[in-house]
Amino acid sequence: MAGWSATDIPDQTGRTAVVTGSNSGIGYTAARELARRGARVVLACRNEVRGTEAADRLAIEVPGAEPEFMRLDLGELDSVRRFAQTYGREHDRLDLLINNAGVMALPFGRTADGFETQFGVNHLGHFALTGLLLPVLLGTPGARVVTVSSTMHSVSNIDINDLNSEGRYGRWTAYARSKTANLLFTHELARRLAAIGSDVVAAAAHPGYAATNLQTAGPKLEGRSAVERFMRIGNRYFAQSADAGALPTLYAATAPDVRPDSFTGPALLGWRGSPTKSWRAPWTLNDRAAERLWEESERLTGVGYEGLKA
C-alpha cells in the first residue's frame, strides 16, 4: 500500500458505483476519481440542488463522464426505499456501494422515523440501503460494499440496550457509537456473505483527519461560532485534504488485495498519509455484538436481508 494514490486505481470501465453523501468532501472525491477511471457514478445525496451542482461539476472535471444524481435522505427510511426501488428499475448492476454519508457530533435530534440522528443516519440508513440493494449487489460479480467509519469509534462501544441514546446523550459518544456500529455492520455482513459463498466483499475505511464540512456542521447548526471557527482553524492547519482523506475509501473500493472485513485508513498514526491496514477496537470484531446489532437493525428499519440469514 505504500505510496498508493488515486493514479493506482484499476480501470473501472463498465462498473457502476453509488456513493452516498457525494456532493462534497470525501464522497465527491471518491465519485470523481472512480469516474476518472471509467466508472459510471451515481451521486446519492440528500440535497437536490447541491447534488445536481456536484454532478455538473464532476462532468466538467472529468470530460466524458456521465454522473447521475439521485436523491437519497438516509434520515428517512421512505426515501431510502424509494432510492432502492428506482435504482433497481433503472440499473441492472451495482459494483460498488460506498456508504460514505454521515453526520458528526450534532445536538440531540431525531430522524423522520424517530431514531437518534447520528445512529439513524450513520448506521441505520446505510444498513437499510445496503439491504434493499442486496439483490443487485449479489447479482453483480465482484461487487463491494465499503462503509466509512472513523477512528472515533475507539471512544465508545455501542449500548445494545440504548441504541438511540434515550437514557443519556453525549454528542461525541453518540457519534463514536454510530462509527462502532459501522464496523460491526461490516463484520457481520462479511460473515453472512461468506456463509452463502458470495464473492461480494464487505470492507470498511476511514479518512483520518480530513478537512471537510463534517467538523463544522454541528457547531454551525447550534450557532456556536467560536467552536465553528476553532474547527475551521484545525481543518486549515492540521487536517489533510479531502482528496487525501478519500484515498482509504478508494483503496478499499478498488484495490485487488482488499479482504472482507478489512479496515483501511491513513498510515501516519491513523491521521494522514497513504492507505494502510488500520487498527480497530476489539469490540468491533465481537461476533455476538455484531449479530445482536444486526437483529435490532432489521427490527428497527423493517429491512430484512433475504438470502443472507444467519
C-alpha atoms as a PDB file:
ATOM      1  CA  MET A   1       0.000   0.000   0.000  1.00  0.00           C
ATOM      2  CA  ALA A   2       2.966   2.354   0.492  1.00  0.00           C
ATOM      3  CA  GLY A   3       2.616   5.423  -1.689  1.00  0.00           C
ATOM      4  CA  TRP A   4      -0.739   4.295  -3.103  1.00  0.00           C
ATOM      5  CA  SER A   5      -2.590   7.156  -4.777  1.00  0.00           C
ATOM      6  CA  ALA A   6      -5.612   7.749  -6.977  1.00  0.00           C
ATOM      7  CA  THR A   7      -3.462   7.034 -10.050  1.00  0.00           C
ATOM      8  CA  ASP A   8      -3.213   3.426  -8.832  1.00  0.00           C
ATOM      9  CA  ILE A   9      -6.964   2.839  -9.077  1.00  0.00           C
ATOM     10  CA  PRO A  10      -7.518  -0.029 -11.543  1.00  0.00           C
ATOM     11  CA  ASP A  11      -9.574   0.563 -14.666  1.00  0.00           C
ATOM     12  CA  GLN A  12     -13.263   0.818 -13.695  1.00  0.00           C
ATOM     13  CA  THR A  13     -14.745   0.805 -17.195  1.00  0.00           C
ATOM     14  CA  GLY A  14     -18.116  -0.956 -17.240  1.00  0.00           C
ATOM     15  CA  ARG A  15     -18.546  -0.714 -13.474  1.00  0.00           C
ATOM     16  CA  THR A  16     -21.220   1.256 -11.623  1.00  0.00           C
ATOM     17  CA  ALA A  17     -20.711   2.940  -8.260  1.00  0.00           C
ATOM     18  CA  VAL A  18     -23.178   4.503  -5.833  1.00  0.00           C
ATOM     19  CA  VAL A  19     -21.562   6.954  -3.420  1.00  0.00           C
ATOM     20  CA  THR A  20     -23.715   8.368  -0.642  1.00  0.00           C
ATOM     21  CA  GLY A  21     -23.087  11.908   0.508  1.00  0.00           C
ATOM     22  CA  SER A  22     -21.084  12.677  -2.619  1.00  0.00           C
ATOM     23  CA  ASN A  23     -21.973  16.313  -3.195  1.00  0.00           C
ATOM     24  CA  SER A  24     -18.803  17.433  -1.340  1.00  0.00           C
ATOM     25  CA  GLY A  25     -15.749  16.322   0.612  1.00  0.00           C
ATOM     26  CA  ILE A  26     -14.538  12.748   0.632  1.00  0.00           C
ATOM     27  CA  GLY A  27     -17.632  11.440  -1.128  1.00  0.00           C
ATOM     28  CA  TYR A  28     -17.256  13.823  -4.042  1.00  0.00           C
ATOM     29  CA  THR A  29     -13.571  13.000  -4.421  1.00  0.00           C
ATOM     30  CA  ALA A  30     -14.332   9.271  -4.397  1.00  0.00           C
ATOM     31  CA  ALA A  31     -17.010   9.668  -7.061  1.00  0.00           C
ATOM     32  CA  ARG A  32     -14.789  11.891  -9.208  1.00  0.00           C
ATOM     33  CA  GLU A  33     -11.787   9.556  -9.104  1.00  0.00           C
ATOM     34  CA  LEU A  34     -13.898   6.497  -9.868  1.00  0.00           C
ATOM     35  CA  ALA A  35     -15.396   8.364 -12.829  1.00  0.00           C
ATOM     36  CA  ARG A  36     -11.901   9.378 -13.930  1.00  0.00           C
ATOM     37  CA  ARG A  37     -11.038   5.684 -14.148  1.00  0.00           C
ATOM     38  CA  GLY A  38     -14.133   4.904 -16.221  1.00  0.00           C
ATOM     39  CA  ALA A  39     -16.850   4.041 -13.697  1.00  0.00           C
ATOM     40  CA  ARG A  40     -20.418   5.190 -14.073  1.00  0.00           C
ATOM     41  CA  VAL A  41     -21.126   7.041 -10.824  1.00  0.00           C
ATOM     42  CA  VAL A  42     -24.385   7.766  -9.051  1.00  0.00           C
ATOM     43  CA  LEU A  43     -24.246  10.648  -6.599  1.00  0.00           C
ATOM     44  CA  ALA A  44     -26.718   9.753  -3.844  1.00  0.00           C
ATOM     45  CA  CYS A  45     -27.314  12.969  -1.905  1.00  0.00           C
ATOM     46  CA  ARG A  46     -29.991  14.468   0.326  1.00  0.00           C
ATOM     47  CA  ASN A  47     -29.984  17.997  -1.099  1.00  0.00           C
ATOM     48  CA  GLU A  48     -31.176  18.106  -4.699  1.00  0.00           C
ATOM     49  CA  VAL A  49     -29.580  21.466  -5.524  1.00  0.00           C
ATOM     50  CA  ARG A  50     -26.179  20.538  -4.124  1.00  0.00           C
ATOM     51  CA  GLY A  51     -26.316  17.074  -5.615  1.00  0.00           C
ATOM     52  CA  THR A  52     -27.164  18.370  -9.069  1.00  0.00           C
ATOM     53  CA  GLU A  53     -24.445  21.015  -8.855  1.00  0.00           C
ATOM     54  CA  ALA A  54     -21.930  18.340  -7.841  1.00  0.00           C
ATOM     55  CA  ALA A  55     -22.901  16.152 -10.795  1.00  0.00           C
ATOM     56  CA  ASP A  56     -22.499  19.118 -13.147  1.00  0.00           C
ATOM     57  CA  ARG A  57     -19.113  19.972 -11.636  1.00  0.00           C
ATOM     58  CA  LEU A  58     -17.907  16.389 -11.931  1.00  0.00           C
ATOM     59  CA  ALA A  59     -18.946  16.254 -15.590  1.00  0.00           C
ATOM     60  CA  ILE A  60     -16.760  19.307 -16.240  1.00  0.00           C
ATOM     61  CA  GLU A  61     -13.785  17.971 -14.275  1.00  0.00           C
ATOM     62  CA  VAL A  62     -13.948  14.545 -15.926  1.00  0.00           C
ATOM     63  CA  PRO A  63     -14.736  15.019 -19.640  1.00  0.00           C
ATOM     64  CA  GLY A  64     -16.755  12.115 -20.968  1.00  0.00           C
ATOM     65  CA  ALA A  65     -18.155  11.128 -17.585  1.00  0.00           C
ATOM     66  CA  GLU A  66     -21.922  10.998 -17.218  1.00  0.00           C
ATOM     67  CA  PRO A  67     -22.550  11.272 -13.464  1.00  0.00           C
ATOM     68  CA  GLU A  68     -26.095  10.747 -12.265  1.00  0.00           C
ATOM     69  CA  PHE A  69     -27.699  12.434  -9.281  1.00  0.00           C
ATOM     70  CA  MET A  70     -30.303  10.511  -7.310  1.00  0.00           C
ATOM     71  CA  ARG A  71     -31.898  11.916  -4.182  1.00  0.00           C
ATOM     72  CA  LEU A  72     -31.320   9.933  -1.001  1.00  0.00           C
ATOM     73  CA  ASP A  73     -32.105  11.039   2.551  1.00  0.00           C
ATOM     74  CA  LEU A  74     -30.605   8.491   4.928  1.00  0.00           C
ATOM     75  CA  GLY A  75     -32.580  10.023   7.786  1.00  0.00           C
ATOM     76  CA  GLU A  76     -35.860   8.992   6.181  1.00  0.00           C
ATOM     77  CA  LEU A  77     -36.485   5.304   5.523  1.00  0.00           C
ATOM     78  CA  ASP A  78     -39.161   6.057   2.924  1.00  0.00           C
ATOM     79  CA  SER A  79     -36.511   7.956   0.949  1.00  0.00           C
ATOM     80  CA  VAL A  80     -34.115   5.023   1.246  1.00  0.00           C
ATOM     81  CA  ARG A  81     -36.793   2.675  -0.061  1.00  0.00           C
ATOM     82  CA  ARG A  82     -37.647   4.981  -2.973  1.00  0.00           C
ATOM     83  CA  PHE A  83     -33.991   5.242  -3.901  1.00  0.00           C
ATOM     84  CA  ALA A  84     -33.513   1.469  -3.891  1.00  0.00           C
ATOM     85  CA  GLN A  85     -36.686   0.863  -5.903  1.00  0.00           C
ATOM     86  CA  THR A  86     -35.721   3.452  -8.511  1.00  0.00           C
ATOM     87  CA  TYR A  87     -32.166   2.182  -8.730  1.00  0.00           C
ATOM     88  CA  GLY A  88     -33.376  -1.400  -9.190  1.00  0.00           C
ATOM     89  CA  ARG A  89     -35.666  -0.365 -12.040  1.00  0.00           C
ATOM     90  CA  GLU A  90     -33.051   1.699 -13.854  1.00  0.00           C
ATOM     91  CA  HIS A  91     -29.825  -0.240 -13.275  1.00  0.00           C
ATOM     92  CA  ASP A  92     -29.004  -3.898 -13.702  1.00  0.00           C
ATOM     93  CA  ARG A  93     -25.702  -3.912 -11.774  1.00  0.00           C
ATOM     94  CA  LEU A  94     -24.029  -2.352  -8.746  1.00  0.00           C
ATOM     95  CA  ASP A  95     -20.300  -2.944  -8.496  1.00  0.00           C
ATOM     96  CA  LEU A  96     -19.501  -0.502  -5.692  1.00  0.00           C
ATOM     97  CA  LEU A  97     -21.745   0.719  -2.911  1.00  0.00           C
ATOM     98  CA  ILE A  98     -19.830   3.291  -0.890  1.00  0.00           C
ATOM     99  CA  ASN A  99     -21.659   4.092   2.341  1.00  0.00           C
ATOM    100  CA  ASN A 100     -19.933   7.423   2.877  1.00  0.00           C
ATOM    101  CA  ALA A 101     -22.525   9.955   4.071  1.00  0.00           C
ATOM    102  CA  GLY A 102     -22.625  10.882   7.718  1.00  0.00           C
ATOM    103  CA  VAL A 103     -23.196  13.475  10.399  1.00  0.00           C
ATOM    104  CA  MET A 104     -20.943  14.212  13.362  1.00  0.00           C
ATOM    105  CA  ALA A 105     -21.384  15.497  16.922  1.00  0.00           C
ATOM    106  CA  LEU A 106     -24.810  17.023  16.406  1.00  0.00           C
ATOM    107  CA  PRO A 107     -27.077  18.196  19.227  1.00  0.00           C
ATOM    108  CA  PHE A 108     -29.679  15.590  20.152  1.00  0.00           C
ATOM    109  CA  GLY A 109     -32.259  15.152  17.457  1.00  0.00           C
ATOM    110  CA  ARG A 110     -34.349  12.514  15.754  1.00  0.00           C
ATOM    111  CA  THR A 111     -34.706  11.317  12.195  1.00  0.00           C
ATOM    112  CA  ALA A 112     -38.036  11.262  10.406  1.00  0.00           C
ATOM    113  CA  ASP A 113     -38.560   7.759  11.794  1.00  0.00           C
ATOM    114  CA  GLY A 114     -37.750   8.702  15.388  1.00  0.00           C
ATOM    115  CA  PHE A 115     -34.171   7.405  15.652  1.00  0.00           C
ATOM    116  CA  GLU A 116     -31.386   9.391  17.285  1.00  0.00           C
ATOM    117  CA  THR A 117     -29.961  11.341  14.356  1.00  0.00           C
ATOM    118  CA  GLN A 118     -26.359  10.110  14.322  1.00  0.00           C
ATOM    119  CA  PHE A 119     -27.266   6.453  14.834  1.00  0.00           C
ATOM    120  CA  GLY A 120     -30.163   6.770  12.392  1.00  0.00           C
ATOM    121  CA  VAL A 121     -28.215   8.405   9.574  1.00  0.00           C
ATOM    122  CA  ASN A 122     -24.737   6.932  10.011  1.00  0.00           C
ATOM    123  CA  HIS A 123     -25.795   3.347  10.680  1.00  0.00           C
ATOM    124  CA  LEU A 124     -29.487   2.560  10.200  1.00  0.00           C
ATOM    125  CA  GLY A 125     -29.842   4.472   6.938  1.00  0.00           C
ATOM    126  CA  HIS A 126     -26.897   2.661   5.399  1.00  0.00           C
ATOM    127  CA  PHE A 127     -27.991  -0.670   6.877  1.00  0.00           C
ATOM    128  CA  ALA A 128     -31.388  -0.277   5.195  1.00  0.00           C
ATOM    129  CA  LEU A 129     -29.878   0.934   1.923  1.00  0.00           C
ATOM    130  CA  THR A 130     -27.456  -1.982   1.684  1.00  0.00           C
ATOM    131  CA  GLY A 131     -30.191  -4.499   2.471  1.00  0.00           C
ATOM    132  CA  LEU A 132     -32.562  -3.082  -0.106  1.00  0.00           C
ATOM    133  CA  LEU A 133     -29.826  -3.065  -2.757  1.00  0.00           C
ATOM    134  CA  LEU A 134     -28.622  -6.550  -1.830  1.00  0.00           C
ATOM    135  CA  PRO A 135     -30.293  -8.381  -4.754  1.00  0.00           C
ATOM    136  CA  VAL A 136     -28.456  -6.265  -7.352  1.00  0.00           C
ATOM    137  CA  LEU A 137     -25.205  -6.471  -5.371  1.00  0.00           C
ATOM    138  CA  LEU A 138     -25.426 -10.271  -5.234  1.00  0.00           C
ATOM    139  CA  GLY A 139     -26.142 -10.321  -8.956  1.00  0.00           C
ATOM    140  CA  THR A 140     -23.009  -8.323  -9.807  1.00  0.00           C
ATOM    141  CA  PRO A 141     -19.775 -10.376  -9.920  1.00  0.00           C
ATOM    142  CA  GLY A 142     -17.066  -8.946  -7.702  1.00  0.00           C
ATOM    143  CA  ALA A 143     -19.248  -6.289  -6.084  1.00  0.00           C
ATOM    144  CA  ARG A 144     -18.071  -4.450  -2.967  1.00  0.00           C
ATOM    145  CA  VAL A 145     -19.715  -2.628  -0.094  1.00  0.00           C
ATOM    146  CA  VAL A 146     -17.418  -0.075   1.556  1.00  0.00           C
ATOM    147  CA  THR A 147     -18.657   1.590   4.726  1.00  0.00           C
ATOM    148  CA  VAL A 148     -16.863   4.664   6.028  1.00  0.00           C
ATOM    149  CA  SER A 149     -16.212   4.606   9.773  1.00  0.00           C
ATOM    150  CA  SER A 150     -13.842   6.714  11.894  1.00  0.00           C
ATOM    151  CA  THR A 151     -11.007   6.399  14.396  1.00  0.00           C
ATOM    152  CA  MET A 152     -13.522   7.942  16.787  1.00  0.00           C
ATOM    153  CA  HIS A 153     -15.149   4.523  17.029  1.00  0.00           C
ATOM    154  CA  SER A 154     -12.499   3.776  19.660  1.00  0.00           C
ATOM    155  CA  VAL A 155     -14.136   6.234  22.076  1.00  0.00           C
ATOM    156  CA  SER A 156     -17.171   4.051  22.767  1.00  0.00           C
ATOM    157  CA  ASN A 157     -18.742   0.680  22.115  1.00  0.00           C
ATOM    158  CA  ILE A 158     -22.451   0.565  21.287  1.00  0.00           C
ATOM    159  CA  ASP A 159     -25.017   0.148  24.054  1.00  0.00           C
ATOM    160  CA  ILE A 160     -27.294  -2.539  22.651  1.00  0.00           C
ATOM    161  CA  ASN A 161     -29.927  -1.657  25.270  1.00  0.00           C
ATOM    162  CA  ASP A 162     -29.930   2.042  24.383  1.00  0.00           C
ATOM    163  CA  LEU A 163     -29.074   2.331  20.697  1.00  0.00           C
ATOM    164  CA  ASN A 164     -30.970   5.614  20.360  1.00  0.00           C
ATOM    165  CA  SER A 165     -29.353   7.293  23.391  1.00  0.00           C
ATOM    166  CA  GLU A 166     -32.652   7.588  25.226  1.00  0.00           C
ATOM    167  CA  GLY A 167     -31.032   7.392  28.659  1.00  0.00           C
ATOM    168  CA  ARG A 168     -28.183   9.837  28.328  1.00  0.00           C
ATOM    169  CA  TYR A 169     -26.894  11.754  25.327  1.00  0.00           C
ATOM    170  CA  GLY A 170     -23.387  12.938  24.595  1.00  0.00           C
ATOM    171  CA  ARG A 171     -22.816  14.179  21.062  1.00  0.00           C
ATOM    172  CA  TRP A 172     -19.314  12.687  20.720  1.00  0.00           C
ATOM    173  CA  THR A 173     -20.255   9.440  22.441  1.00  0.00           C
ATOM    174  CA  ALA A 174     -23.237   9.043  20.119  1.00  0.00           C
ATOM    175  CA  TYR A 175     -21.007   9.709  17.113  1.00  0.00           C
ATOM    176  CA  ALA A 176     -18.438   7.161  18.304  1.00  0.00           C
ATOM    177  CA  ARG A 177     -21.153   4.570  18.826  1.00  0.00           C
ATOM    178  CA  SER A 178     -22.502   5.123  15.321  1.00  0.00           C
ATOM    179  CA  LYS A 179     -18.990   4.570  13.926  1.00  0.00           C
ATOM    180  CA  THR A 180     -18.611   1.406  16.003  1.00  0.00           C
ATOM    181  CA  ALA A 181     -21.944   0.308  14.532  1.00  0.00           C
ATOM    182  CA  ASN A 182     -20.490   0.828  11.032  1.00  0.00           C
ATOM    183  CA  LEU A 183     -17.670  -1.606  11.830  1.00  0.00           C
ATOM    184  CA  LEU A 184     -19.933  -4.163  13.499  1.00  0.00           C
ATOM    185  CA  PHE A 185     -22.209  -3.996  10.459  1.00  0.00           C
ATOM    186  CA  THR A 186     -19.260  -4.638   8.150  1.00  0.00           C
ATOM    187  CA  HIS A 187     -18.108  -7.523  10.348  1.00  0.00           C
ATOM    188  CA  GLU A 188     -21.496  -9.243  10.297  1.00  0.00           C
ATOM    189  CA  LEU A 189     -22.167  -8.512   6.632  1.00  0.00           C
ATOM    190  CA  ALA A 190     -18.826 -10.081   5.693  1.00  0.00           C
ATOM    191  CA  ARG A 191     -19.620 -13.144   7.802  1.00  0.00           C
ATOM    192  CA  ARG A 192     -23.050 -13.624   6.259  1.00  0.00           C
ATOM    193  CA  LEU A 193     -21.773 -13.157   2.715  1.00  0.00           C
ATOM    194  CA  ALA A 194     -19.078 -15.771   3.334  1.00  0.00           C
ATOM    195  CA  ALA A 195     -21.678 -18.161   4.734  1.00  0.00           C
ATOM    196  CA  ILE A 196     -23.535 -18.273   1.408  1.00  0.00           C
ATOM    197  CA  GLY A 197     -20.350 -18.394  -0.656  1.00  0.00           C
ATOM    198  CA  SER A 198     -20.839 -14.924  -2.155  1.00  0.00           C
ATOM    199  CA  ASP A 199     -17.891 -13.085  -3.690  1.00  0.00           C
ATOM    200  CA  VAL A 200     -19.281  -9.699  -2.600  1.00  0.00           C
ATOM    201  CA  VAL A 201     -16.657  -8.033  -0.390  1.00  0.00           C
ATOM    202  CA  ALA A 202     -17.766  -6.002   2.639  1.00  0.00           C
ATOM    203  CA  ALA A 203     -14.966  -3.742   3.869  1.00  0.00           C
ATOM    204  CA  ALA A 204     -14.570  -0.549   5.882  1.00  0.00           C
ATOM    205  CA  ALA A 205     -12.374   2.532   5.709  1.00  0.00           C
ATOM    206  CA  HIS A 206     -11.760   5.797   7.496  1.00  0.00           C
ATOM    207  CA  PRO A 207     -10.246   9.101   6.301  1.00  0.00           C
ATOM    208  CA  GLY A 208      -8.148  10.026   9.323  1.00  0.00           C
ATOM    209  CA  TYR A 209      -8.366  13.758   9.954  1.00  0.00           C
ATOM    210  CA  ALA A 210      -9.543  15.241   6.673  1.00  0.00           C
ATOM    211  CA  ALA A 211     -10.769  18.768   6.075  1.00  0.00           C
ATOM    212  CA  THR A 212     -14.466  18.571   5.203  1.00  0.00           C
ATOM    213  CA  ASN A 213     -17.637  20.332   6.314  1.00  0.00           C
ATOM    214  CA  LEU A 214     -18.353  17.461   8.711  1.00  0.00           C
ATOM    215  CA  GLN A 215     -16.409  19.171  11.507  1.00  0.00           C
ATOM    216  CA  THR A 216     -18.240  22.484  11.252  1.00  0.00           C
ATOM    217  CA  ALA A 217     -21.808  21.314  10.582  1.00  0.00           C
ATOM    218  CA  GLY A 218     -22.709  20.669  14.229  1.00  0.00           C
ATOM    219  CA  PRO A 219     -21.392  23.953  15.669  1.00  0.00           C
ATOM    220  CA  LYS A 220     -22.937  25.894  12.775  1.00  0.00           C
ATOM    221  CA  LEU A 221     -26.309  24.250  13.388  1.00  0.00           C
ATOM    222  CA  GLU A 222     -26.242  25.358  17.031  1.00  0.00           C
ATOM    223  CA  GLY A 223     -24.837  28.809  16.359  1.00  0.00           C
ATOM    224  CA  ARG A 224     -21.637  28.066  18.325  1.00  0.00           C
ATOM    225  CA  SER A 225     -19.494  30.393  16.248  1.00  0.00           C
ATOM    226  CA  ALA A 226     -16.372  30.100  18.430  1.00  0.00           C
ATOM    227  CA  VAL A 227     -16.361  26.304  18.096  1.00  0.00           C
ATOM    228  CA  GLU A 228     -17.019  26.585  14.376  1.00  0.00           C
ATOM    229  CA  ARG A 229     -14.018  28.923  13.994  1.00  0.00           C
ATOM    230  CA  PHE A 230     -11.869  26.526  16.035  1.00  0.00           C
ATOM    231  CA  MET A 231     -12.833  23.632  13.768  1.00  0.00           C
ATOM    232  CA  ARG A 232     -12.057  25.679  10.667  1.00  0.00           C
ATOM    233  CA  ILE A 233      -8.613  26.513  12.020  1.00  0.00           C
ATOM    234  CA  GLY A 234      -7.974  22.825  12.717  1.00  0.00           C
ATOM    235  CA  ASN A 235      -9.047  21.924   9.207  1.00  0.00           C
ATOM    236  CA  ARG A 236      -6.766  24.558   7.723  1.00  0.00           C
ATOM    237  CA  TYR A 237      -3.575  23.820   9.639  1.00  0.00           C
ATOM    238  CA  PHE A 238      -3.731  20.215  10.838  1.00  0.00           C
ATOM    239  CA  ALA A 239      -6.036  18.185   8.606  1.00  0.00           C
ATOM    240  CA  GLN A 240      -5.133  16.570   5.318  1.00  0.00           C
ATOM    241  CA  SER A 241      -7.179  17.455   2.255  1.00  0.00           C
ATOM    242  CA  ALA A 242     -10.452  15.798   1.346  1.00  0.00           C
ATOM    243  CA  ASP A 243      -8.665  14.346  -1.696  1.00  0.00           C
ATOM    244  CA  ALA A 244      -6.125  12.644   0.578  1.00  0.00           C
ATOM    245  CA  GLY A 245      -8.837  11.603   3.022  1.00  0.00           C
ATOM    246  CA  ALA A 246     -10.689   9.792   0.247  1.00  0.00           C
ATOM    247  CA  LEU A 247      -7.764   7.501  -0.564  1.00  0.00           C
ATOM    248  CA  PRO A 248      -8.541   4.811   2.064  1.00  0.00           C
ATOM    249  CA  THR A 249     -12.105   4.621   0.742  1.00  0.00           C
ATOM    250  CA  LEU A 250     -10.883   4.361  -2.831  1.00  0.00           C
ATOM    251  CA  TYR A 251      -8.349   1.717  -1.857  1.00  0.00           C
ATOM    252  CA  ALA A 252     -10.994  -0.370  -0.090  1.00  0.00           C
ATOM    253  CA  ALA A 253     -13.279   0.011  -3.102  1.00  0.00           C
ATOM    254  CA  THR A 254     -10.821  -0.880  -5.844  1.00  0.00           C
ATOM    255  CA  ALA A 255      -7.520  -2.435  -4.753  1.00  0.00           C
ATOM    256  CA  PRO A 256      -7.256  -6.110  -5.735  1.00  0.00           C
ATOM    257  CA  ASP A 257      -5.906  -7.329  -2.381  1.00  0.00           C
ATOM    258  CA  VAL A 258      -8.733  -5.997  -0.163  1.00  0.00           C
ATOM    259  CA  ARG A 259     -10.089  -8.671   2.154  1.00  0.00           C
ATOM    260  CA  PRO A 260     -13.591  -8.995   3.624  1.00  0.00           C
ATOM    261  CA  ASP A 261     -13.982  -7.150   6.953  1.00  0.00           C
ATOM    262  CA  SER A 262     -10.749  -5.221   6.441  1.00  0.00           C
ATOM    263  CA  PHE A 263     -10.365  -1.693   7.802  1.00  0.00           C
ATOM    264  CA  THR A 264      -8.256   0.748   5.800  1.00  0.00           C
ATOM    265  CA  GLY A 265      -7.023   4.159   6.969  1.00  0.00           C
ATOM    266  CA  PRO A 266      -4.111   6.601   6.668  1.00  0.00           C
ATOM    267  CA  ALA A 267      -0.667   5.227   7.546  1.00  0.00           C
ATOM    268  CA  LEU A 268       0.636   8.033   9.786  1.00  0.00           C
ATOM    269  CA  LEU A 269      -0.903   7.389  13.209  1.00  0.00           C
ATOM    270  CA  GLY A 270      -4.261   6.859  11.521  1.00  0.00           C
ATOM    271  CA  TRP A 271      -4.271  10.615  10.888  1.00  0.00           C
ATOM    272  CA  ARG A 272      -2.869  11.182   7.399  1.00  0.00           C
ATOM    273  CA  GLY A 273      -0.814   9.539   4.664  1.00  0.00           C
ATOM    274  CA  SER A 274      -1.143   6.630   2.274  1.00  0.00           C
ATOM    275  CA  PRO A 275      -3.787   3.946   2.862  1.00  0.00           C
ATOM    276  CA  THR A 276      -2.836   1.019   5.062  1.00  0.00           C
ATOM    277  CA  LYS A 277      -4.405  -1.561   7.337  1.00  0.00           C
ATOM    278  CA  SER A 278      -5.885   0.307  10.292  1.00  0.00           C
ATOM    279  CA  TRP A 279      -6.188  -0.601  13.964  1.00  0.00           C
ATOM    280  CA  ARG A 280      -9.719  -1.201  15.217  1.00  0.00           C
ATOM    281  CA  ALA A 281     -11.131  -1.655  18.700  1.00  0.00           C
ATOM    282  CA  PRO A 282     -11.587  -5.305  19.745  1.00  0.00           C
ATOM    283  CA  TRP A 283     -15.298  -4.804  20.321  1.00  0.00           C
ATOM    284  CA  THR A 284     -15.811  -4.205  16.598  1.00  0.00           C
ATOM    285  CA  LEU A 285     -14.844  -7.841  15.976  1.00  0.00           C
ATOM    286  CA  ASN A 286     -17.240  -9.324  18.547  1.00  0.00           C
ATOM    287  CA  ASP A 287     -19.440 -11.840  16.724  1.00  0.00           C
ATOM    288  CA  ARG A 288     -22.279 -11.797  19.245  1.00  0.00           C
ATOM    289  CA  ALA A 289     -22.408  -7.994  19.430  1.00  0.00           C
ATOM    290  CA  ALA A 290     -22.462  -7.773  15.630  1.00  0.00           C
ATOM    291  CA  GLU A 291     -25.268 -10.332  15.420  1.00  0.00           C
ATOM    292  CA  ARG A 292     -27.368  -8.565  18.058  1.00  0.00           C
ATOM    293  CA  LEU A 293     -26.904  -5.184  16.372  1.00  0.00           C
ATOM    294  CA  TRP A 294     -27.910  -6.754  13.056  1.00  0.00           C
ATOM    295  CA  GLU A 295     -31.071  -8.221  14.563  1.00  0.00           C
ATOM    296  CA  GLU A 296     -32.019  -4.907  16.168  1.00  0.00           C
ATOM    297  CA  SER A 297     -31.279  -3.028  12.947  1.00  0.00           C
ATOM    298  CA  GLU A 298     -33.584  -5.331  10.998  1.00  0.00           C
ATOM    299  CA  ARG A 299     -36.297  -4.794  13.597  1.00  0.00           C
ATOM    300  CA  LEU A 300     -35.912  -1.010  13.694  1.00  0.00           C
ATOM    301  CA  THR A 301     -35.744  -0.482   9.932  1.00  0.00           C
ATOM    302  CA  GLY A 302     -38.069  -3.254   8.829  1.00  0.00           C
ATOM    303  CA  VAL A 303     -35.458  -4.261   6.249  1.00  0.00           C
ATOM    304  CA  GLY A 304     -34.638  -7.954   6.155  1.00  0.00           C
ATOM    305  CA  TYR A 305     -31.670  -9.298   4.228  1.00  0.00           C
ATOM    306  CA  GLU A 306     -33.424 -12.019   2.251  1.00  0.00           C
ATOM    307  CA  GLY A 307     -30.997 -14.741   1.189  1.00  0.00           C
ATOM    308  CA  LEU A 308     -28.478 -13.616   3.776  1.00  0.00           C
ATOM    309  CA  LYS A 309     -29.845 -15.023   7.008  1.00  0.00           C
ATOM    310  CA  ALA A 310     -27.651 -16.116   9.900  1.00  0.00           C
END
